[in-house]
Amino acid sequence: MKDTLVVITREGMGSAEPALQKKLVGTWLTLLLQGKELPGAICFYTDGVKLAVEGSPVLEQLAKLEERGVHLILCKTCLEFFGLAEKVRVGIVGGMGDILAAQSIARKVLPL
């Protein structure tokens, strides 16, 4: 699964109430950590960047994924748009070029 890229563009999973979306993404990340196979990278853009900043309910899971070698790539333009650039707690801040590069080397792109 190292050749898989996960793309997160929302502050959660699905299109339900925000609290349910956050709960679902938290559960997904927790279960991902429990498995043996991890994706090579996770890209966050648009509202997805909000998961990697101060106050996010999934910072612990994301930090553990990063410790286990998963590259977390955050969209700089999105962070600046939301005024969150100074609140990043996990991952690397990159541009759309970094996200495109990650997509181009992935054998599978999994949108959440």
Protein backbone atom coordinates (compact mmCIF):
# COMPACT_ATOMS: atom_id res chain seq x y z
CA MET A 1 0.00 0.00 0.00
CA LYS A 2 3.08 2.26 0.10
CA ASP A 3 2.32 3.21 -3.50
CA THR A 4 -1.13 4.52 -2.46
CA LEU A 5 -1.89 8.20 -1.97
CA VAL A 6 -4.86 9.22 0.16
CA VAL A 7 -6.42 12.59 -0.66
CA ILE A 8 -8.40 14.37 2.04
CA THR A 9 -10.35 17.45 0.95
CA ARG A 10 -12.86 17.70 3.79
CA GLU A 11 -12.64 18.24 7.51
CA GLY A 12 -14.05 14.75 7.90
CA MET A 13 -15.54 11.90 5.89
CA GLY A 14 -18.75 11.92 3.92
CA SER A 15 -21.37 14.61 3.65
CA ALA A 16 -23.19 14.22 6.96
CA GLU A 17 -23.25 16.52 9.99
CA PRO A 18 -19.76 17.92 10.73
CA ALA A 19 -19.51 16.04 14.05
CA LEU A 20 -20.23 12.73 12.30
CA GLN A 21 -17.75 13.52 9.52
CA LYS A 22 -14.99 14.12 12.08
CA LYS A 23 -15.91 10.98 14.01
CA LEU A 24 -15.76 8.89 10.84
CA VAL A 25 -12.36 10.21 9.74
CA GLY A 26 -11.04 9.64 13.26
CA THR A 27 -12.24 6.03 13.18
CA TRP A 28 -10.79 5.51 9.69
CA LEU A 29 -7.38 6.86 10.74
CA THR A 30 -7.38 4.76 13.92
CA LEU A 31 -8.18 1.59 11.99
CA LEU A 32 -5.57 2.48 9.38
CA LEU A 33 -2.97 2.69 12.15
CA GLN A 34 -3.99 -0.74 13.43
CA GLY A 35 -3.34 -2.35 10.05
CA LYS A 36 0.01 -3.53 8.76
CA GLU A 37 -0.11 -1.62 5.47
CA LEU A 38 0.02 2.17 5.38
CA PRO A 39 -0.24 4.54 2.43
CA GLY A 40 2.90 6.27 1.25
CA ALA A 41 1.36 9.72 1.61
CA ILE A 42 -1.76 11.63 2.55
CA CYS A 43 -2.44 14.97 0.84
CA PHE A 44 -4.65 17.56 2.49
CA TYR A 45 -6.19 20.44 0.59
CA THR A 46 -9.25 22.69 0.77
CA ASP A 47 -11.04 21.99 4.08
CA GLY A 48 -8.89 18.91 4.61
CA VAL A 49 -6.00 21.04 5.88
CA LYS A 50 -8.06 21.78 8.99
CA LEU A 51 -7.38 18.23 10.18
CA ALA A 52 -3.63 18.90 10.51
CA VAL A 53 -3.77 22.07 12.60
CA GLU A 54 -4.08 23.00 16.25
CA GLY A 55 -7.41 21.89 17.69
CA SER A 56 -8.00 19.03 15.25
CA PRO A 57 -9.53 15.93 16.85
CA VAL A 58 -7.26 13.65 14.78
CA LEU A 59 -3.83 15.16 15.46
CA GLU A 60 -2.74 12.17 17.52
CA GLN A 61 -3.54 9.69 14.74
CA LEU A 62 -1.87 11.87 12.12
CA ALA A 63 1.26 12.28 14.26
CA LYS A 64 1.47 8.49 14.65
CA LEU A 65 1.09 7.99 10.90
CA GLU A 66 3.87 10.50 10.31
CA GLU A 67 6.09 8.69 12.85
CA ARG A 68 5.50 5.47 10.92
CA GLY A 69 6.72 7.04 7.68
CA VAL A 70 3.54 8.30 6.02
CA HIS A 71 4.20 11.63 4.29
CA LEU A 72 1.57 14.24 5.19
CA ILE A 73 1.46 17.02 2.59
CA LEU A 74 -0.56 20.16 3.34
CA CYS A 75 -1.60 22.74 0.75
CA LYS A 76 0.07 26.06 1.58
CA THR A 77 -2.47 28.10 -0.39
CA CYS A 78 -5.34 26.49 1.53
CA LEU A 79 -3.68 27.04 4.91
CA GLU A 80 -3.09 30.70 4.08
CA PHE A 81 -6.64 31.12 2.76
CA PHE A 82 -8.07 29.87 6.06
CA GLY A 83 -5.49 31.76 8.17
CA LEU A 84 -4.10 28.50 9.54
CA ALA A 85 -0.47 28.58 8.37
CA GLU A 86 0.80 29.29 11.89
CA LYS A 87 -1.32 26.52 13.45
CA VAL A 88 0.10 23.52 11.56
CA ARG A 89 0.99 20.71 13.98
CA VAL A 90 1.77 17.78 11.65
CA GLY A 91 2.97 17.28 8.11
CA ILE A 92 4.88 19.44 5.68
CA VAL A 93 3.52 22.55 4.06
CA GLY A 94 3.83 22.30 0.30
CA GLY A 95 2.30 23.69 -2.81
CA MET A 96 0.02 22.21 -5.41
CA GLY A 97 3.17 21.10 -7.23
CA ASP A 98 4.05 18.86 -4.27
CA ILE A 99 0.56 17.38 -4.28
CA LEU A 100 0.72 16.83 -8.04
CA ALA A 101 4.12 15.15 -7.67
CA ALA A 102 2.74 12.79 -5.02
CA GLN A 103 -0.22 11.97 -7.27
CA SER A 104 2.00 11.29 -10.25
CA ILE A 105 4.14 8.68 -8.48
CA ALA A 106 1.23 6.93 -6.76
CA ARG A 107 -0.08 3.78 -8.34
CA LYS A 108 -3.43 4.32 -6.62
CA VAL A 109 -5.10 7.55 -5.45
CA LEU A 110 -7.76 7.08 -2.78
CA PRO A 111 -10.01 10.10 -2.20
CA LEU A 112 -11.74 10.33 1.20
